[in-house]
Amino acid sequence: MSRQILRLHQDVTGVLKTLVFSEKQVKRHDGSWFKVRIMPYRTQDIVIDGVVITFIDISETKKLEIQLRSTQV
């Protein structure tokens, strides 16, 4: 199992234990970037029944951020 999968599993476990959402920026091996959000899933009866995980591609934003930093040096 890859390190990223193990980290994701640990993050999911942490969110389920603490009920506090997690948000991280992750760089993939191909150079693309994603914002990963993990939130507890609550049913209509306010019962925790898992997590919701979203992956948002932020590659363009990170590219612009890196360019901006390089011009400020």
Protein backbone atom coordinates (compact mmCIF):
# COMPACT_ATOMS: atom_id res chain seq x y z
CA MET A 1 0.00 0.00 0.00
CA SER A 2 1.37 3.43 -0.92
CA ARG A 3 2.30 6.07 1.65
CA GLN A 4 -0.39 8.41 0.35
CA ILE A 5 -3.08 5.75 0.83
CA LEU A 6 -1.83 5.04 4.36
CA ARG A 7 -1.87 8.78 5.15
CA LEU A 8 -5.40 9.09 3.79
CA HIS A 9 -6.50 6.15 5.92
CA GLN A 10 -4.90 7.74 9.01
CA ASP A 11 -6.61 11.06 8.25
CA VAL A 12 -9.99 9.33 7.84
CA THR A 13 -9.50 7.49 11.12
CA GLY A 14 -8.56 10.76 12.85
CA VAL A 15 -11.64 12.55 11.53
CA LEU A 16 -13.89 9.71 12.70
CA LYS A 17 -12.31 9.79 16.17
CA THR A 18 -12.33 13.56 16.67
CA LEU A 19 -15.24 14.56 14.39
CA VAL A 20 -13.08 17.49 13.25
CA PHE A 21 -12.73 17.96 9.50
CA SER A 22 -9.33 17.75 7.83
CA GLU A 23 -8.03 19.74 4.87
CA LYS A 24 -4.64 19.24 3.23
CA GLN A 25 -2.86 20.11 0.02
CA VAL A 26 -1.33 17.06 -1.62
CA LYS A 27 1.16 16.92 -4.48
CA ARG A 28 0.87 13.88 -6.73
CA HIS A 29 3.79 12.08 -8.36
CA ASP A 30 2.87 13.67 -11.72
CA GLY A 31 3.26 17.19 -10.26
CA SER A 32 -0.45 17.98 -9.98
CA TRP A 33 -1.87 19.34 -6.73
CA PHE A 34 -5.13 18.54 -4.95
CA LYS A 35 -6.88 19.93 -1.91
CA VAL A 36 -8.20 16.96 0.06
CA ARG A 37 -11.07 17.59 2.49
CA ILE A 38 -12.33 14.91 4.84
CA MET A 39 -15.51 15.61 6.79
CA PRO A 40 -17.61 13.45 9.09
CA TYR A 41 -20.83 12.30 7.42
CA ARG A 42 -23.85 12.87 9.61
CA THR A 43 -27.21 11.31 8.82
CA GLN A 44 -30.49 13.17 9.24
CA ASP A 45 -30.68 11.59 12.69
CA ILE A 46 -27.33 13.25 13.57
CA VAL A 47 -25.54 9.89 13.60
CA ILE A 48 -21.98 9.71 12.27
CA ASP A 49 -22.06 7.17 9.44
CA GLY A 50 -18.69 7.58 7.72
CA VAL A 51 -16.85 10.41 6.01
CA VAL A 52 -17.17 12.54 2.90
CA ILE A 53 -13.92 13.01 0.99
CA THR A 54 -13.51 15.63 -1.73
CA PHE A 55 -10.56 16.09 -4.04
CA ILE A 56 -10.25 19.53 -5.66
CA ASP A 57 -7.66 20.08 -8.39
CA ILE A 58 -5.65 23.16 -7.38
CA SER A 59 -2.78 22.66 -9.83
CA GLU A 60 -3.27 25.99 -11.61
CA THR A 61 -3.54 27.87 -8.33
CA LYS A 62 -0.31 26.27 -7.04
CA LYS A 63 1.46 27.06 -10.32
CA LEU A 64 0.49 30.73 -10.01
CA GLU A 65 1.49 30.76 -6.32
CA ILE A 66 4.94 29.37 -7.17
CA GLN A 67 5.37 31.91 -9.98
CA LEU A 68 4.38 34.75 -7.65
CA ARG A 69 6.85 33.61 -4.99
CA SER A 70 9.67 33.40 -7.53
CA THR A 71 9.06 37.00 -8.64
CA GLN A 72 9.17 38.24 -5.03
CA VAL A 73 12.63 36.81 -4.33
